[in-house]
Amino acid sequence: MFFPLFVDLSQKEILIVGAGTIARRRIRTLCGFAGHMTVVAPGVDPEIRELAKDYPITVWEREFEPGDLAGKDFVLAAADDEALNRDIYVMCREKGIPANNCSDKTMCDFQFPSVVKDGDVVIGINASGKNHRLVKETRIRVEKALGVSKGIYG
């Protein structure tokens, strides 16, 4: 299956640093697309632990360490610490790993879309990180047009 970046993630290793609200939404969106996800954070949202029972997700409940980047194909810096997210993005750039910094849209190698999935049809919705409300409204309109009861929110 293809994620709306139109990149096959089924054999990719994805690191998510952080386990709060934004990380939870992004992990939920990636379920069914990603080959394997590793979540590292000192505290982990209970929903992420539940998702890890059904999807290939490894949870490390601890602080991020630079060695966590080893072998990763994509990184989502979604910690509640802007400085840490920035540092992770810089480290990823140095290592050639595409990264998304949830706290600074200028430090993203890719944008993370809102997703609507209907069978084999996958639609990604994005407003360049500028208008999240417009993205949500558009997603709802697309869901209604397709008759999909609930999309996947990035």
Protein backbone atom coordinates (compact mmCIF):
# COMPACT_ATOMS: atom_id res chain seq x y z
CA MET A 1 0.00 0.00 0.00
CA PHE A 2 1.20 3.53 -0.69
CA PHE A 3 1.17 6.40 1.74
CA PRO A 4 0.01 9.72 0.18
CA LEU A 5 3.64 10.72 -0.36
CA PHE A 6 3.30 7.96 -2.90
CA VAL A 7 6.24 6.21 -1.32
CA ASP A 8 6.02 2.53 -0.52
CA LEU A 9 6.59 2.42 3.25
CA SER A 10 5.89 -1.30 3.67
CA GLN A 11 9.58 -2.19 4.05
CA LYS A 12 10.67 1.02 5.79
CA GLU A 13 11.83 1.66 9.31
CA ILE A 14 10.20 4.77 10.75
CA LEU A 15 11.27 6.44 13.98
CA ILE A 16 8.81 8.61 15.87
CA VAL A 17 10.32 10.67 18.67
CA GLY A 18 7.55 11.70 21.03
CA ALA A 19 4.37 9.98 22.07
CA GLY A 20 1.83 12.70 22.68
CA THR A 21 -1.14 13.97 20.69
CA ILE A 22 0.65 14.77 17.41
CA ALA A 23 2.73 11.58 17.51
CA ARG A 24 -0.41 9.52 18.24
CA ARG A 25 -2.26 10.98 15.23
CA ARG A 26 0.69 10.36 12.93
CA ILE A 27 1.24 6.83 14.18
CA ARG A 28 -2.46 6.07 13.70
CA THR A 29 -2.20 7.41 10.14
CA LEU A 30 0.87 5.28 9.38
CA CYS A 31 -0.70 2.04 10.66
CA GLY A 32 -1.33 -0.15 7.65
CA PHE A 33 1.25 1.72 5.55
CA ALA A 34 4.51 1.38 7.50
CA GLY A 35 6.66 -1.72 7.64
CA HIS A 36 7.82 -1.00 11.18
CA MET A 37 7.66 1.96 13.53
CA THR A 38 9.75 2.62 16.61
CA VAL A 39 8.40 5.12 19.13
CA VAL A 40 10.80 6.61 21.65
CA ALA A 41 9.57 8.90 24.42
CA PRO A 42 9.84 9.08 28.21
CA GLY A 43 6.04 8.86 28.50
CA VAL A 44 3.79 7.04 26.03
CA ASP A 45 0.12 7.73 25.26
CA PRO A 46 -2.02 4.66 26.13
CA GLU A 47 -3.52 4.59 22.61
CA ILE A 48 -0.02 4.10 21.16
CA ARG A 49 0.49 1.10 23.45
CA GLU A 50 -2.83 -0.32 22.21
CA LEU A 51 -1.84 0.23 18.56
CA ALA A 52 1.44 -1.59 19.24
CA LYS A 53 -0.57 -4.73 20.02
CA ASP A 54 -1.99 -4.83 16.50
CA TYR A 55 0.67 -3.16 14.35
CA PRO A 56 4.45 -3.50 13.97
CA ILE A 57 5.32 -0.84 16.54
CA THR A 58 8.15 -1.04 19.04
CA VAL A 59 7.89 1.31 22.02
CA TRP A 60 10.98 2.48 23.91
CA GLU A 61 9.89 4.41 26.98
CA ARG A 62 12.96 6.57 27.50
CA GLU A 63 14.64 9.72 26.25
CA PHE A 64 15.80 9.92 22.61
CA GLU A 65 19.43 8.97 21.94
CA PRO A 66 21.26 9.86 18.69
CA GLY A 67 21.92 6.14 18.12
CA ASP A 68 18.15 5.67 17.70
CA LEU A 69 18.54 7.04 14.15
CA ALA A 70 20.62 4.04 13.04
CA GLY A 71 18.89 2.06 10.30
CA LYS A 72 15.91 4.39 10.06
CA ASP A 73 14.45 5.41 6.69
CA PHE A 74 12.15 8.23 7.90
CA VAL A 75 11.94 10.18 11.15
CA LEU A 76 9.09 12.11 12.71
CA ALA A 77 10.32 14.54 15.37
CA ALA A 78 7.13 14.96 17.39
CA ALA A 79 8.42 15.55 20.91
CA ASP A 80 6.97 18.25 23.13
CA ASP A 81 10.41 19.89 23.02
CA GLU A 82 11.05 22.24 20.07
CA ALA A 83 14.82 22.25 20.65
CA LEU A 84 14.93 18.44 20.61
CA ASN A 85 12.83 18.33 17.44
CA ARG A 86 15.20 20.82 15.80
CA ASP A 87 18.28 18.83 16.90
CA ILE A 88 16.77 15.60 15.56
CA TYR A 89 16.01 17.25 12.22
CA VAL A 90 19.60 18.55 11.95
CA MET A 91 21.01 15.10 12.79
CA CYS A 92 18.75 13.51 10.17
CA ARG A 93 19.87 16.02 7.52
CA GLU A 94 23.51 15.18 8.30
CA LYS A 95 22.74 11.45 7.88
CA GLY A 96 20.54 11.86 4.79
CA ILE A 97 17.40 10.61 6.56
CA PRO A 98 14.17 12.36 5.50
CA ALA A 99 12.60 13.96 8.56
CA ASN A 100 9.52 15.88 9.59
CA ASN A 101 9.75 18.32 12.50
CA CYS A 102 6.22 18.76 13.85
CA SER A 103 7.10 22.01 15.61
CA ASP A 104 8.65 23.84 12.63
CA LYS A 105 7.25 23.48 9.11
CA THR A 106 10.46 24.97 7.67
CA MET A 107 12.38 21.97 9.03
CA CYS A 108 10.55 19.25 7.13
CA ASP A 109 11.80 17.17 4.22
CA PHE A 110 8.18 16.12 3.66
CA GLN A 111 4.77 17.29 4.79
CA PHE A 112 2.54 14.92 6.70
CA PRO A 113 -0.97 14.88 5.17
CA SER A 114 -4.39 14.12 6.47
CA VAL A 115 -5.45 10.87 4.81
CA VAL A 116 -8.71 9.47 3.52
CA LYS A 117 -8.64 5.78 2.59
CA ASP A 118 -11.42 3.97 0.77
CA GLY A 119 -10.35 0.46 -0.19
CA ASP A 120 -7.36 0.83 -2.50
CA VAL A 121 -7.94 4.57 -2.96
CA VAL A 122 -5.73 6.75 -0.76
CA ILE A 123 -6.11 10.52 -0.74
CA GLY A 124 -3.65 12.82 1.01
CA ILE A 125 -4.75 16.34 1.94
CA ASN A 126 -2.27 19.07 2.80
CA ALA A 127 -2.17 22.86 2.97
CA SER A 128 1.62 23.23 3.29
CA GLY A 129 1.28 23.37 7.07
CA LYS A 130 -0.53 26.71 6.84
CA ASN A 131 -4.21 25.97 7.44
CA HIS A 132 -5.05 22.90 9.49
CA ARG A 133 -8.72 23.86 9.70
CA LEU A 134 -9.01 23.98 5.90
CA VAL A 135 -7.39 20.54 5.70
CA LYS A 136 -9.89 19.14 8.22
CA GLU A 137 -12.84 20.72 6.42
CA THR A 138 -11.60 19.36 3.08
CA ARG A 139 -11.08 15.89 4.56
CA ILE A 140 -14.65 15.88 5.88
CA ARG A 141 -16.00 16.93 2.47
CA VAL A 142 -14.00 14.19 0.73
CA GLU A 143 -15.19 11.59 3.26
CA LYS A 144 -18.80 12.61 2.66
CA ALA A 145 -18.35 12.52 -1.13
CA LEU A 146 -16.87 9.00 -0.94
CA GLY A 147 -19.26 7.80 1.73
CA VAL A 148 -16.35 7.00 4.05
CA SER A 149 -17.42 7.20 7.67
CA LYS A 150 -14.03 8.20 9.06
CA GLY A 151 -10.72 9.00 7.41
CA ILE A 152 -7.29 8.75 8.92
CA TYR A 153 -6.03 11.98 10.38
CA GLY A 154 -2.41 13.03 10.03
